PDB file of N, CA and C in Angstrom:
ATOM      1  N   MET A   1      39.343 215.138  66.995  1.00  0.00           N
ATOM      2  CA  MET A   1      40.473 215.120  66.084  1.00  0.00           C
ATOM      3  C   MET A   1      41.747 215.629  66.772  1.00  0.00           C
ATOM      4  N   GLU A   2      41.629 216.750  67.484  1.00  0.00           N
ATOM      5  CA  GLU A   2      42.813 217.326  68.125  1.00  0.00           C
ATOM      6  C   GLU A   2      43.356 216.396  69.193  1.00  0.00           C
ATOM      7  N   ASN A   3      42.424 215.802  69.967  1.00  0.00           N
ATOM      8  CA  ASN A   3      42.867 214.884  71.020  1.00  0.00           C
ATOM      9  C   ASN A   3      43.592 213.683  70.426  1.00  0.00           C
ATOM     10  N   GLU A   4      43.067 213.175  69.331  1.00  0.00           N
ATOM     11  CA  GLU A   4      43.719 212.026  68.690  1.00  0.00           C
ATOM     12  C   GLU A   4      45.104 212.403  68.191  1.00  0.00           C
ATOM     13  N   LEU A   5      45.245 213.587  67.619  1.00  0.00           N
ATOM     14  CA  LEU A   5      46.558 214.035  67.149  1.00  0.00           C
ATOM     15  C   LEU A   5      47.537 214.162  68.314  1.00  0.00           C
ATOM     16  N   LYS A   6      47.056 214.683  69.443  1.00  0.00           N
ATOM     17  CA  LYS A   6      47.920 214.803  70.614  1.00  0.00           C
ATOM     18  C   LYS A   6      48.374 213.420  71.082  1.00  0.00           C
ATOM     19  N   GLN A   7      47.430 212.479  71.089  1.00  0.00           N
ATOM     20  CA  GLN A   7      47.792 211.128  71.530  1.00  0.00           C
ATOM     21  C   GLN A   7      48.831 210.510  70.607  1.00  0.00           C
ATOM     22  N   LEU A   8      48.686 210.738  69.296  1.00  0.00           N
ATOM     23  CA  LEU A   8      49.674 210.203  68.359  1.00  0.00           C
ATOM     24  C   LEU A   8      51.050 210.829  68.607  1.00  0.00           C
ATOM     25  N   LYS A   9      51.064 212.113  68.908  1.00  0.00           N
ATOM     26  CA  LYS A   9      52.333 212.767  69.195  1.00  0.00           C
ATOM     27  C   LYS A   9      52.988 212.150  70.422  1.00  0.00           C
ATOM     28  N   PHE A  10      52.190 211.928  71.470  1.00  0.00           N
ATOM     29  CA  PHE A  10      52.729 211.306  72.678  1.00  0.00           C
ATOM     30  C   PHE A  10      53.283 209.914  72.377  1.00  0.00           C
ATOM     31  N   GLU A  11      52.525 209.146  71.608  1.00  0.00           N
ATOM     32  CA  GLU A  11      52.981 207.791  71.297  1.00  0.00           C
ATOM     33  C   GLU A  11      54.308 207.823  70.556  1.00  0.00           C
ATOM     34  N   LYS A  12      54.434 208.748  69.613  1.00  0.00           N
ATOM     35  CA  LYS A  12      55.686 208.851  68.870  1.00  0.00           C
ATOM     36  C   LYS A  12      56.838 209.242  69.797  1.00  0.00           C
ATOM     37  N   LEU A  13      56.572 210.194  70.689  1.00  0.00           N
ATOM     38  CA  LEU A  13      57.623 210.648  71.595  1.00  0.00           C
ATOM     39  C   LEU A  13      58.037 209.523  72.544  1.00  0.00           C
ATOM     40  N   ILE A  14      57.051 208.810  73.057  1.00  0.00           N
ATOM     41  CA  ILE A  14      57.368 207.720  73.972  1.00  0.00           C
ATOM     42  C   ILE A  14      58.075 206.595  73.214  1.00  0.00           C
ATOM     43  N   PHE A  15      57.658 206.380  71.998  1.00  0.00           N
ATOM     44  CA  PHE A  15      58.283 205.327  71.194  1.00  0.00           C
ATOM     45  C   PHE A  15      59.754 205.644  70.966  1.00  0.00           C
ATOM     46  N   GLU A  16      60.038 206.927  70.790  1.00  0.00           N
ATOM     47  CA  GLU A  16      61.419 207.337  70.600  1.00  0.00           C
ATOM     48  C   GLU A  16      62.186 207.325  71.922  1.00  0.00           C
ATOM     49  N   GLU A  17      61.452 207.202  73.024  1.00  0.00           N
ATOM     50  CA  GLU A  17      62.030 207.163  74.367  1.00  0.00           C
ATOM     51  C   GLU A  17      62.794 208.448  74.700  1.00  0.00           C
ATOM     52  N   ASP A  18      62.239 209.558  74.259  1.00  0.00           N
ATOM     53  CA  ASP A  18      62.819 210.855  74.603  1.00  0.00           C
ATOM     54  C   ASP A  18      61.958 211.450  75.706  1.00  0.00           C
ATOM     55  N   PHE A  19      62.279 211.087  76.950  1.00  0.00           N
ATOM     56  CA  PHE A  19      61.415 211.434  78.065  1.00  0.00           C
ATOM     57  C   PHE A  19      61.448 212.934  78.384  1.00  0.00           C
ATOM     58  N   GLU A  20      62.538 213.593  78.105  1.00  0.00           N
ATOM     59  CA  GLU A  20      62.624 215.025  78.400  1.00  0.00           C
ATOM     60  C   GLU A  20      61.608 215.813  77.586  1.00  0.00           C
ATOM     61  N   THR A  21      61.476 215.472  76.299  1.00  0.00           N
ATOM     62  CA  THR A  21      60.504 216.181  75.473  1.00  0.00           C
ATOM     63  C   THR A  21      59.086 215.879  75.934  1.00  0.00           C
ATOM     64  N   VAL A  22      58.861 214.635  76.395  1.00  0.00           N
ATOM     65  CA  VAL A  22      57.532 214.286  76.909  1.00  0.00           C
ATOM     66  C   VAL A  22      57.218 215.130  78.131  1.00  0.00           C
ATOM     67  N   LYS A  23      58.195 215.270  79.029  1.00  0.00           N
ATOM     68  CA  LYS A  23      57.982 216.062  80.241  1.00  0.00           C
ATOM     69  C   LYS A  23      57.703 217.527  79.886  1.00  0.00           C
ATOM     70  N   LYS A  24      58.485 218.068  78.967  1.00  0.00           N
ATOM     71  CA  LYS A  24      58.279 219.458  78.547  1.00  0.00           C
ATOM     72  C   LYS A  24      56.885 219.651  77.971  1.00  0.00           C
ATOM     73  N   HIS A  25      56.486 218.705  77.133  1.00  0.00           N
ATOM     74  CA  HIS A  25      55.172 218.799  76.518  1.00  0.00           C
ATOM     75  C   HIS A  25      54.075 218.763  77.574  1.00  0.00           C
ATOM     76  N   LEU A  26      54.215 217.849  78.544  1.00  0.00           N
ATOM     77  CA  LEU A  26      53.215 217.758  79.618  1.00  0.00           C
ATOM     78  C   LEU A  26      53.191 219.040  80.445  1.00  0.00           C
ATOM     79  N   ASN A  27      54.354 219.586  80.751  1.00  0.00           N
ATOM     80  CA  ASN A  27      54.412 220.826  81.523  1.00  0.00           C
ATOM     81  C   ASN A  27      53.745 221.977  80.770  1.00  0.00           C
ATOM     82  N   ASN A  28      53.989 222.046  79.463  1.00  0.00           N
ATOM     83  CA  ASN A  28      53.359 223.091  78.658  1.00  0.00           C
ATOM     84  C   ASN A  28      51.849 222.962  78.692  1.00  0.00           C
ATOM     85  N   GLU A  29      51.342 221.740  78.597  1.00  0.00           N
ATOM     86  CA  GLU A  29      49.886 221.552  78.652  1.00  0.00           C
ATOM     87  C   GLU A  29      49.332 221.968  80.001  1.00  0.00           C
ATOM     88  N   LYS A  30      50.047 221.636  81.076  1.00  0.00           N
ATOM     89  CA  LYS A  30      49.583 222.018  82.409  1.00  0.00           C
ATOM     90  C   LYS A  30      49.543 223.539  82.544  1.00  0.00           C
ATOM     91  N   ARG A  31      50.587 224.195  82.021  1.00  0.00           N
ATOM     92  CA  ARG A  31      50.628 225.658  82.088  1.00  0.00           C
ATOM     93  C   ARG A  31      49.467 226.278  81.326  1.00  0.00           C
ATOM     94  N   THR A  32      49.214 225.773  80.136  1.00  0.00           N
ATOM     95  CA  THR A  32      48.116 226.345  79.352  1.00  0.00           C
ATOM     96  C   THR A  32      46.780 226.122  80.051  1.00  0.00           C
ATOM     97  N   GLU A  33      46.614 224.966  80.691  1.00  0.00           N
ATOM     98  CA  GLU A  33      45.366 224.717  81.425  1.00  0.00           C
ATOM     99  C   GLU A  33      45.227 225.698  82.580  1.00  0.00           C
ATOM    100  N   LYS A  34      46.322 225.926  83.305  1.00  0.00           N
ATOM    101  CA  LYS A  34      46.272 226.874  84.419  1.00  0.00           C
ATOM    102  C   LYS A  34      45.928 228.282  83.921  1.00  0.00           C
ATOM    103  N   LYS A  35      46.557 228.668  82.811  1.00  0.00           N
ATOM    104  CA  LYS A  35      46.279 229.984  82.253  1.00  0.00           C
ATOM    105  C   LYS A  35      44.820 230.109  81.855  1.00  0.00           C
ATOM    106  N   LYS A  36      44.279 229.058  81.230  1.00  0.00           N
ATOM    107  CA  LYS A  36      42.876 229.087  80.822  1.00  0.00           C
ATOM    108  C   LYS A  36      41.969 229.210  82.037  1.00  0.00           C
ATOM    109  N   LYS A  37      42.286 228.450  83.095  1.00  0.00           N
ATOM    110  CA  LYS A  37      41.468 228.511  84.310  1.00  0.00           C
ATOM    111  C   LYS A  37      41.521 229.910  84.920  1.00  0.00           C
ATOM    112  N   LYS A  38      42.715 230.512  84.939  1.00  0.00           N
ATOM    113  CA  LYS A  38      42.843 231.857  85.493  1.00  0.00           C
ATOM    114  C   LYS A  38      42.047 232.860  84.673  1.00  0.00           C
ATOM    115  N   LYS A  39      42.121 232.741  83.340  1.00  0.00           N
ATOM    116  CA  LYS A  39      41.364 233.652  82.483  1.00  0.00           C
ATOM    117  C   LYS A  39      39.876 233.518  82.732  1.00  0.00           C
ATOM    118  N   ILE A  40      39.402 232.268  82.848  1.00  0.00           N
ATOM    119  CA  ILE A  40      37.980 232.041  83.093  1.00  0.00           C
ATOM    120  C   ILE A  40      37.584 232.637  84.431  1.00  0.00           C
ATOM    121  N   ALA A  41      38.431 232.447  85.460  1.00  0.00           N
ATOM    122  CA  ALA A  41      38.128 233.004  86.781  1.00  0.00           C
ATOM    123  C   ALA A  41      38.063 234.524  86.719  1.00  0.00           C
ATOM    124  N   ARG A  42      39.001 235.153  85.995  1.00  0.00           N
ATOM    125  CA  ARG A  42      38.986 236.610  85.867  1.00  0.00           C
ATOM    126  C   ARG A  42      37.721 237.096  85.178  1.00  0.00           C
ATOM    127  N   MET A  43      37.330 236.387  84.121  1.00  0.00           N
ATOM    128  CA  MET A  43      36.121 236.783  83.406  1.00  0.00           C
ATOM    129  C   MET A  43      34.896 236.675  84.312  1.00  0.00           C
ATOM    130  N   ILE A  44      34.835 235.608  85.108  1.00  0.00           N
ATOM    131  CA  ILE A  44      33.699 235.431  86.022  1.00  0.00           C
ATOM    132  C   ILE A  44      33.661 236.585  87.022  1.00  0.00           C
ATOM    133  N   ILE A  45      34.828 236.940  87.558  1.00  0.00           N
ATOM    134  CA  ILE A  45      34.887 238.042  88.523  1.00  0.00           C
ATOM    135  C   ILE A  45      34.449 239.347  87.874  1.00  0.00           C
ATOM    136  N   LEU A  46      34.896 239.601  86.648  1.00  0.00           N
ATOM    137  CA  LEU A  46      34.501 240.818  85.940  1.00  0.00           C
ATOM    138  C   LEU A  46      32.996 240.872  85.729  1.00  0.00           C
ATOM    139  N   VAL A  47      32.436 239.763  85.298  1.00  0.00           N
ATOM    140  CA  VAL A  47      30.994 239.727  85.039  1.00  0.00           C
ATOM    141  C   VAL A  47      30.225 239.980  86.333  1.00  0.00           C
ATOM    142  N   GLN A  48      30.684 239.382  87.441  1.00  0.00           N
ATOM    143  CA  GLN A  48      30.000 239.594  88.716  1.00  0.00           C
ATOM    144  C   GLN A  48      30.090 241.049  89.151  1.00  0.00           C
ATOM    145  N   SER A  49      31.263 241.643  88.986  1.00  0.00           N
ATOM    146  CA  SER A  49      31.415 243.041  89.405  1.00  0.00           C
ATOM    147  C   SER A  49      30.549 243.961  88.551  1.00  0.00           C
ATOM    148  N   ILE A  50      30.447 243.670  87.263  1.00  0.00           N
ATOM    149  CA  ILE A  50      29.608 244.486  86.380  1.00  0.00           C
ATOM    150  C   ILE A  50      28.136 244.352  86.783  1.00  0.00           C
ATOM    151  N   LYS A  51      27.720 243.132  87.110  1.00  0.00           N
ATOM    152  CA  LYS A  51      26.334 242.924  87.528  1.00  0.00           C
ATOM    153  C   LYS A  51      26.042 243.670  88.814  1.00  0.00           C
ATOM    154  N   GLU A  52      27.013 243.705  89.736  1.00  0.00           N
ATOM    155  CA  GLU A  52      26.802 244.409  90.997  1.00  0.00           C
ATOM    156  C   GLU A  52      26.708 245.914  90.781  1.00  0.00           C
ATOM    157  N   GLU A  53      27.500 246.438  89.847  1.00  0.00           N
ATOM    158  CA  GLU A  53      27.472 247.870  89.593  1.00  0.00           C
ATOM    159  C   GLU A  53      26.168 248.297  88.951  1.00  0.00           C
ATOM    160  N   ARG A  54      25.673 247.490  88.037  1.00  0.00           N
ATOM    161  CA  ARG A  54      24.436 247.848  87.350  1.00  0.00           C
ATOM    162  C   ARG A  54      23.233 247.542  88.249  1.00  0.00           C
ATOM    163  N   PRO A  55      22.299 248.441  88.337  1.00  0.00           N
ATOM    164  CA  PRO A  55      21.091 248.118  89.080  1.00  0.00           C
ATOM    165  C   PRO A  55      20.229 247.152  88.269  1.00  0.00           C
ATOM    166  N   THR A  56      19.398 246.412  88.979  1.00  0.00           N
ATOM    167  CA  THR A  56      18.552 245.440  88.289  1.00  0.00           C
ATOM    168  C   THR A  56      17.546 246.140  87.396  1.00  0.00           C
ATOM    169  N   ASN A  57      17.073 247.306  87.830  1.00  0.00           N
ATOM    170  CA  ASN A  57      16.095 248.049  87.049  1.00  0.00           C
ATOM    171  C   ASN A  57      16.741 249.362  86.594  1.00  0.00           C
ATOM    172  N   PRO A  58      17.022 249.514  85.311  1.00  0.00           N
ATOM    173  CA  PRO A  58      17.705 250.735  84.862  1.00  0.00           C
ATOM    174  C   PRO A  58      16.853 251.989  85.011  1.00  0.00           C
ATOM    175  N   LYS A  59      15.542 251.848  85.079  1.00  0.00           N
ATOM    176  CA  LYS A  59      14.680 253.022  85.221  1.00  0.00           C
ATOM    177  C   LYS A  59      14.938 253.723  86.547  1.00  0.00           C
ATOM    178  N   THR A  60      15.183 252.955  87.609  1.00  0.00           N
ATOM    179  CA  THR A  60      15.414 253.567  88.913  1.00  0.00           C
ATOM    180  C   THR A  60      16.675 254.422  88.891  1.00  0.00           C
ATOM    181  N   LYS A  61      17.702 253.955  88.196  1.00  0.00           N
ATOM    182  CA  LYS A  61      18.941 254.728  88.115  1.00  0.00           C
ATOM    183  C   LYS A  61      18.703 256.040  87.370  1.00  0.00           C
ATOM    184  N   ASN A  62      17.947 255.973  86.276  1.00  0.00           N
ATOM    185  CA  ASN A  62      17.639 257.187  85.520  1.00  0.00           C
ATOM    186  C   ASN A  62      16.833 258.160  86.367  1.00  0.00           C
ATOM    187  N   GLU A  63      15.900 257.641  87.158  1.00  0.00           N
ATOM    188  CA  GLU A  63      15.102 258.503  88.024  1.00  0.00           C
ATOM    189  C   GLU A  63      15.991 259.202  89.049  1.00  0.00           C
ATOM    190  N   GLN A  64      16.959 258.457  89.597  1.00  0.00           N
ATOM    191  CA  GLN A  64      17.871 259.061  90.574  1.00  0.00           C
ATOM    192  C   GLN A  64      18.683 260.174  89.928  1.00  0.00           C
ATOM    193  N   ILE A  65      19.152 259.935  88.725  1.00  0.00           N
ATOM    194  CA  ILE A  65      19.936 260.944  88.020  1.00  0.00           C
ATOM    195  C   ILE A  65      19.074 262.176  87.748  1.00  0.00           C
ATOM    196  N   ASP A  66      17.812 261.963  87.349  1.00  0.00           N
ATOM    197  CA  ASP A  66      16.912 263.085  87.098  1.00  0.00           C
ATOM    198  C   ASP A  66      16.692 263.905  88.370  1.00  0.00           C
ATOM    199  N   LYS A  67      16.499 263.220  89.509  1.00  0.00           N
ATOM    200  CA  LYS A  67      16.304 263.925  90.773  1.00  0.00           C
ATOM    201  C   LYS A  67      17.528 264.774  91.115  1.00  0.00           C
ATOM    202  N   GLN A  68      18.716 264.186  90.917  1.00  0.00           N
ATOM    203  CA  GLN A  68      19.938 264.931  91.211  1.00  0.00           C
ATOM    204  C   GLN A  68      20.054 266.158  90.309  1.00  0.00           C
ATOM    205  N   ASN A  69      19.723 265.993  89.032  1.00  0.00           N
ATOM    206  CA  ASN A  69      19.787 267.122  88.095  1.00  0.00           C
ATOM    207  C   ASN A  69      18.821 268.227  88.508  1.00  0.00           C
ATOM    208  N   LYS A  70      17.616 267.847  88.935  1.00  0.00           N
ATOM    209  CA  LYS A  70      16.636 268.844  89.380  1.00  0.00           C
ATOM    210  C   LYS A  70      17.148 269.603  90.598  1.00  0.00           C
ATOM    211  N   GLN A  71      17.737 268.865  91.550  1.00  0.00           N
ATOM    212  CA  GLN A  71      18.272 269.516  92.744  1.00  0.00           C
ATOM    213  C   GLN A  71      19.380 270.504  92.378  1.00  0.00           C
ATOM    214  N   ILE A  72      20.230 270.109  91.458  1.00  0.00           N
ATOM    215  CA  ILE A  72      21.323 270.990  91.042  1.00  0.00           C
ATOM    216  C   ILE A  72      20.768 272.253  90.386  1.00  0.00           C
ATOM    217  N   LYS A  73      19.760 272.089  89.538  1.00  0.00           N
ATOM    218  CA  LYS A  73      19.155 273.246  88.880  1.00  0.00           C
ATOM    219  C   LYS A  73      18.536 274.196  89.902  1.00  0.00           C
ATOM    220  N   GLU A  74      17.829 273.641  90.908  1.00  0.00           N
ATOM    221  CA  GLU A  74      17.218 274.479  91.937  1.00  0.00           C
ATOM    222  C   GLU A  74      18.286 275.247  92.716  1.00  0.00           C
ATOM    223  N   GLN A  75      19.381 274.559  93.039  1.00  0.00           N
ATOM    224  CA  GLN A  75      20.460 275.227  93.766  1.00  0.00           C
ATOM    225  C   GLN A  75      21.046 276.363  92.932  1.00  0.00           C
ATOM    226  N   ASN A  76      21.227 276.124  91.643  1.00  0.00           N
ATOM    227  CA  ASN A  76      21.766 277.173  90.764  1.00  0.00           C
ATOM    228  C   ASN A  76      20.834 278.374  90.702  1.00  0.00           C
ATOM    229  N   LYS A  77      19.512 278.114  90.641  1.00  0.00           N
ATOM    230  CA  LYS A  77      18.542 279.218  90.623  1.00  0.00           C
ATOM    231  C   LYS A  77      18.640 280.040  91.905  1.00  0.00           C
ATOM    232  N   GLN A  78      18.748 279.332  93.037  1.00  0.00           N
ATOM    233  CA  GLN A  78      18.844 280.043  94.309  1.00  0.00           C
ATOM    234  C   GLN A  78      20.099 280.903  94.374  1.00  0.00           C
ATOM    235  N   ILE A  79      21.202 280.356  93.875  1.00  0.00           N
ATOM    236  CA  ILE A  79      22.459 281.113  93.887  1.00  0.00           C
ATOM    237  C   ILE A  79      22.342 282.360  93.020  1.00  0.00           C
ATOM    238  N   LYS A  80      21.719 282.217  91.837  1.00  0.00           N
ATOM    239  CA  LYS A  80      21.543 283.372  90.960  1.00  0.00           C
ATOM    240  C   LYS A  80      20.679 284.434  91.623  1.00  0.00           C
ATOM    241  N   GLU A  81      19.589 284.006  92.283  1.00  0.00           N
ATOM    242  CA  GLU A  81      18.717 284.959  92.959  1.00  0.00           C
ATOM    243  C   GLU A  81      19.471 285.707  94.055  1.00  0.00           C
ATOM    244  N   GLN A  82      20.288 284.984  94.801  1.00  0.00           N
ATOM    245  CA  GLN A  82      21.061 285.629  95.868  1.00  0.00           C
ATOM    246  C   GLN A  82      22.040 286.645  95.289  1.00  0.00           C
ATOM    247  N   LYS A  83      22.676 286.296  94.161  1.00  0.00           N
ATOM    248  CA  LYS A  83      23.606 287.236  93.543  1.00  0.00           C
ATOM    249  C   LYS A  83      22.889 288.490  93.083  1.00  0.00           C
ATOM    250  N   ILE A  84      21.698 288.309  92.496  1.00  0.00           N
ATOM    251  CA  ILE A  84      20.926 289.465  92.018  1.00  0.00           C
ATOM    252  C   ILE A  84      20.529 290.351  93.192  1.00  0.00           C
ATOM    253  N   ILE A  85      20.058 289.734  94.271  1.00  0.00           N
ATOM    254  CA  ILE A  85      19.646 290.510  95.448  1.00  0.00           C
ATOM    255  C   ILE A  85      20.844 291.258  96.018  1.00  0.00           C
ATOM    256  N   GLY A  86      22.006 290.601  96.071  1.00  0.00           N
ATOM    257  CA  GLY A  86      23.212 291.247  96.588  1.00  0.00           C
ATOM    258  C   GLY A  86      23.626 292.422  95.725  1.00  0.00           C
ATOM    259  N   SER A  87      23.543 292.268  94.407  1.00  0.00           N
ATOM    260  CA  SER A  87      23.949 293.369  93.523  1.00  0.00           C
ATOM    261  C   SER A  87      22.980 294.539  93.653  1.00  0.00           C
ATOM    262  N   ILE A  88      21.684 294.257  93.834  1.00  0.00           N
ATOM    263  CA  ILE A  88      20.702 295.338  94.007  1.00  0.00           C
ATOM    264  C   ILE A  88      20.986 296.099  95.297  1.00  0.00           C
ATOM    265  N   SER A  89      21.286 295.382  96.372  1.00  0.00           N
ATOM    266  CA  SER A  89      21.552 296.058  97.642  1.00  0.00           C
ATOM    267  C   SER A  89      22.820 296.910  97.550  1.00  0.00           C
ATOM    268  N   LYS A  90      23.842 296.422  96.815  1.00  0.00           N
ATOM    269  CA  LYS A  90      25.054 297.220  96.633  1.00  0.00           C
ATOM    270  C   LYS A  90      24.740 298.508  95.880  1.00  0.00           C
ATOM    271  N   MET A  91      23.919 298.383  94.830  1.00  0.00           N
ATOM    272  CA  MET A  91      23.583 299.572  94.049  1.00  0.00           C
ATOM    273  C   MET A  91      22.822 300.579  94.901  1.00  0.00           C
ATOM    274  N   LYS A  92      21.934 300.093  95.769  1.00  0.00           N
ATOM    275  CA  LYS A  92      21.206 301.006  96.650  1.00  0.00           C
ATOM    276  C   LYS A  92      22.166 301.754  97.566  1.00  0.00           C
ATOM    277  N   LYS A  93      23.162 301.012  98.112  1.00  0.00           N
ATOM    278  CA  LYS A  93      24.139 301.654  98.989  1.00  0.00           C
ATOM    279  C   LYS A  93      24.910 302.734  98.238  1.00  0.00           C
ATOM    280  N   VAL A  94      25.301 302.412  97.018  1.00  0.00           N
ATOM    281  CA  VAL A  94      26.064 303.378  96.211  1.00  0.00           C
ATOM    282  C   VAL A  94      25.225 304.623  95.966  1.00  0.00           C
ATOM    283  N   ASN A  95      23.961 304.431  95.610  1.00  0.00           N
ATOM    284  CA  ASN A  95      23.098 305.585  95.337  1.00  0.00           C
ATOM    285  C   ASN A  95      22.901 306.428  96.593  1.00  0.00           C
ATOM    286  N   LEU A  96      22.727 305.774  97.749  1.00  0.00           N
ATOM    287  CA  LEU A  96      22.548 306.517  98.983  1.00  0.00           C
ATOM    288  C   LEU A  96      23.802 307.328  99.309  1.00  0.00           C
ATOM    289  N   GLN A  97      24.965 306.718  99.139  1.00  0.00           N
ATOM    290  CA  GLN A  97      26.203 307.448  99.432  1.00  0.00           C
ATOM    291  C   GLN A  97      26.383 308.619  98.479  1.00  0.00           C
ATOM    292  N   ALA A  98      26.036 308.402  97.227  1.00  0.00           N
ATOM    293  CA  ALA A  98      26.191 309.494  96.256  1.00  0.00           C
ATOM    294  C   ALA A  98      25.265 310.653  96.620  1.00  0.00           C
ATOM    295  N   LEU A  99      24.073 310.340  97.103  1.00  0.00           N
ATOM    296  CA  LEU A  99      23.146 311.407  97.484  1.00  0.00           C
ATOM    297  C   LEU A  99      23.618 312.133  98.734  1.00  0.00           C
ATOM    298  N   THR A 100      24.119 311.389  99.689  1.00  0.00           N
ATOM    299  CA  THR A 100      24.500 312.033 100.957  1.00  0.00           C
ATOM    300  C   THR A 100      25.769 312.845 100.809  1.00  0.00           C
ATOM    301  N   ASN A 101      26.768 312.316 100.133  1.00  0.00           N
ATOM    302  CA  ASN A 101      28.058 313.013 100.060  1.00  0.00           C
ATOM    303  C   ASN A 101      28.125 314.010  98.918  1.00  0.00           C
ATOM    304  N   LYS A 102      27.376 313.773  97.874  1.00  0.00           N
ATOM    305  CA  LYS A 102      27.433 314.595  96.662  1.00  0.00           C
ATOM    306  C   LYS A 102      28.866 314.699  96.146  1.00  0.00           C
ATOM    307  N   ASN A 103      29.600 313.652  96.321  1.00  0.00           N
ATOM    308  CA  ASN A 103      31.011 313.665  95.949  1.00  0.00           C
ATOM    309  C   ASN A 103      31.239 312.561  94.929  1.00  0.00           C
ATOM    310  N   LYS A 104      31.993 312.831  93.883  1.00  0.00           N
ATOM    311  CA  LYS A 104      32.228 311.807  92.877  1.00  0.00           C
ATOM    312  C   LYS A 104      33.049 310.657  93.431  1.00  0.00           C
ATOM    313  N   ARG A 105      33.896 310.941  94.406  1.00  0.00           N
ATOM    314  CA  ARG A 105      34.750 309.896  94.931  1.00  0.00           C
ATOM    315  C   ARG A 105      33.990 308.901  95.802  1.00  0.00           C
ATOM    316  N   SER A 106      32.756 309.196  96.125  1.00  0.00           N
ATOM    317  CA  SER A 106      31.997 308.257  96.949  1.00  0.00           C
ATOM    318  C   SER A 106      31.694 306.970  96.185  1.00  0.00           C
ATOM    319  N   LEU A 107      31.797 307.024  94.858  1.00  0.00           N
ATOM    320  CA  LEU A 107      31.571 305.816  94.070  1.00  0.00           C
ATOM    321  C   LEU A 107      32.806 304.912  94.024  1.00  0.00           C
ATOM    322  N   ASN A 108      33.923 305.391  94.608  1.00  0.00           N
ATOM    323  CA  ASN A 108      35.170 304.632  94.544  1.00  0.00           C
ATOM    324  C   ASN A 108      35.306 303.660  95.723  1.00  0.00           C
ATOM    325  N   TRP A 109      34.330 302.841  95.953  1.00  0.00           N
ATOM    326  CA  TRP A 109      34.465 301.878  97.051  1.00  0.00           C
ATOM    327  C   TRP A 109      34.118 300.490  96.535  1.00  0.00           C
ATOM    328  N   LYS A 110      34.826 299.517  97.023  1.00  0.00           N
ATOM    329  CA  LYS A 110      34.569 298.096  96.753  1.00  0.00           C
ATOM    330  C   LYS A 110      34.322 297.804  95.279  1.00  0.00           C
ATOM    331  N   GLY A 111      35.267 298.122  94.475  1.00  0.00           N
ATOM    332  CA  GLY A 111      35.178 297.696  93.082  1.00  0.00           C
ATOM    333  C   GLY A 111      34.536 298.687  92.153  1.00  0.00           C
ATOM    334  N   PHE A 112      33.905 299.745  92.660  1.00  0.00           N
ATOM    335  CA  PHE A 112      33.303 300.753  91.778  1.00  0.00           C
ATOM    336  C   PHE A 112      34.350 301.844  91.539  1.00  0.00           C
ATOM    337  N   HIS A 113      35.385 301.463  90.799  1.00  0.00           N
ATOM    338  CA  HIS A 113      36.488 302.393  90.576  1.00  0.00           C
ATOM    339  C   HIS A 113      36.231 303.224  89.337  1.00  0.00           C
ATOM    340  N   LYS A 114      36.745 304.450  89.388  1.00  0.00           N
ATOM    341  CA  LYS A 114      36.676 305.279  88.189  1.00  0.00           C
ATOM    342  C   LYS A 114      37.656 304.741  87.172  1.00  0.00           C
ATOM    343  N   LYS A 115      37.360 304.949  85.912  1.00  0.00           N
ATOM    344  CA  LYS A 115      38.305 304.577  84.874  1.00  0.00           C
ATOM    345  C   LYS A 115      39.398 305.638  84.827  1.00  0.00           C
ATOM    346  N   GLN A 116      40.629 305.155  84.765  1.00  0.00           N
ATOM    347  CA  GLN A 116      41.736 306.104  84.668  1.00  0.00           C
ATOM    348  C   GLN A 116      41.827 306.639  83.254  1.00  0.00           C
ATOM    349  N   ASN A 117      42.452 307.801  83.156  1.00  0.00           N
ATOM    350  CA  ASN A 117      42.686 308.355  81.826  1.00  0.00           C
ATOM    351  C   ASN A 117      43.695 307.479  81.100  1.00  0.00           C
ATOM    352  N   PRO A 118      43.540 307.323  79.789  1.00  0.00           N
ATOM    353  CA  PRO A 118      44.508 306.492  79.062  1.00  0.00           C
ATOM    354  C   PRO A 118      45.922 307.043  79.145  1.00  0.00           C
ATOM    355  N   GLN A 119      46.073 308.376  79.290  1.00  0.00           N
ATOM    356  CA  GLN A 119      47.410 308.949  79.405  1.00  0.00           C
ATOM    357  C   GLN A 119      48.064 308.506  80.707  1.00  0.00           C
ATOM    358  N   GLN A 120      47.297 308.485  81.788  1.00  0.00           N
ATOM    359  CA  GLN A 120      47.845 308.049  83.070  1.00  0.00           C
ATOM    360  C   GLN A 120      48.244 306.578  83.014  1.00  0.00           C
ATOM    361  N   GLU A 121      47.415 305.754  82.368  1.00  0.00           N
ATOM    362  CA  GLU A 121      47.747 304.330  82.253  1.00  0.00           C
ATOM    363  C   GLU A 121      49.052 304.176  81.485  1.00  0.00           C
ATOM    364  N   HIS A 122      49.220 304.986  80.443  1.00  0.00           N
ATOM    365  CA  HIS A 122      50.426 304.899  79.639  1.00  0.00           C
ATOM    366  C   HIS A 122      51.647 305.277  80.475  1.00  0.00           C
ATOM    367  N   LYS A 123      51.522 306.313  81.307  1.00  0.00           N
ATOM    368  CA  LYS A 123      52.648 306.723  82.159  1.00  0.00           C
ATOM    369  C   LYS A 123      52.960 305.647  83.187  1.00  0.00           C
ATOM    370  N   ASN A 124      51.922 305.026  83.727  1.00  0.00           N
ATOM    371  CA  ASN A 124      52.137 303.975  84.724  1.00  0.00           C
ATOM    372  C   ASN A 124      52.819 302.763  84.106  1.00  0.00           C
ATOM    373  N   ALA A 125      52.553 302.505  82.839  1.00  0.00           N
ATOM    374  CA  ALA A 125      53.129 301.338  82.174  1.00  0.00           C
ATOM    375  C   ALA A 125      54.641 301.494  82.024  1.00  0.00           C
ATOM    376  N   ARG A 126      55.124 302.749  81.912  1.00  0.00           N
ATOM    377  CA  ARG A 126      56.562 302.963  81.768  1.00  0.00           C
ATOM    378  C   ARG A 126      57.238 302.592  83.051  1.00  0.00           C
TER     379      ARG A 126
END
């Protein structure tokens, strides 16, 4: 039906002998065809790229993700253990120094600071 209507339009235009409108109409059709071809080509490229990104077997991808998650968890556990061991060794050092020096100021090293009096903090703020 659409093709027949287009043909009738062309016949009328040619019958009227208005060649400029015929040329414009033909150019518009060519442009729309080119646009359609470009859109189809883009869609084909998109579909191909999506297929390449997705693995053929989704289970393998999930397994890889699970393995990575397990590795990350193990690394986190190791880091926590190292932090705990480090904090224990620091506490041992502090206790040894406190025993040897018998001085309250021996606890004032590497972050083990005494709390200041609130009055002193207030004076410092001024």
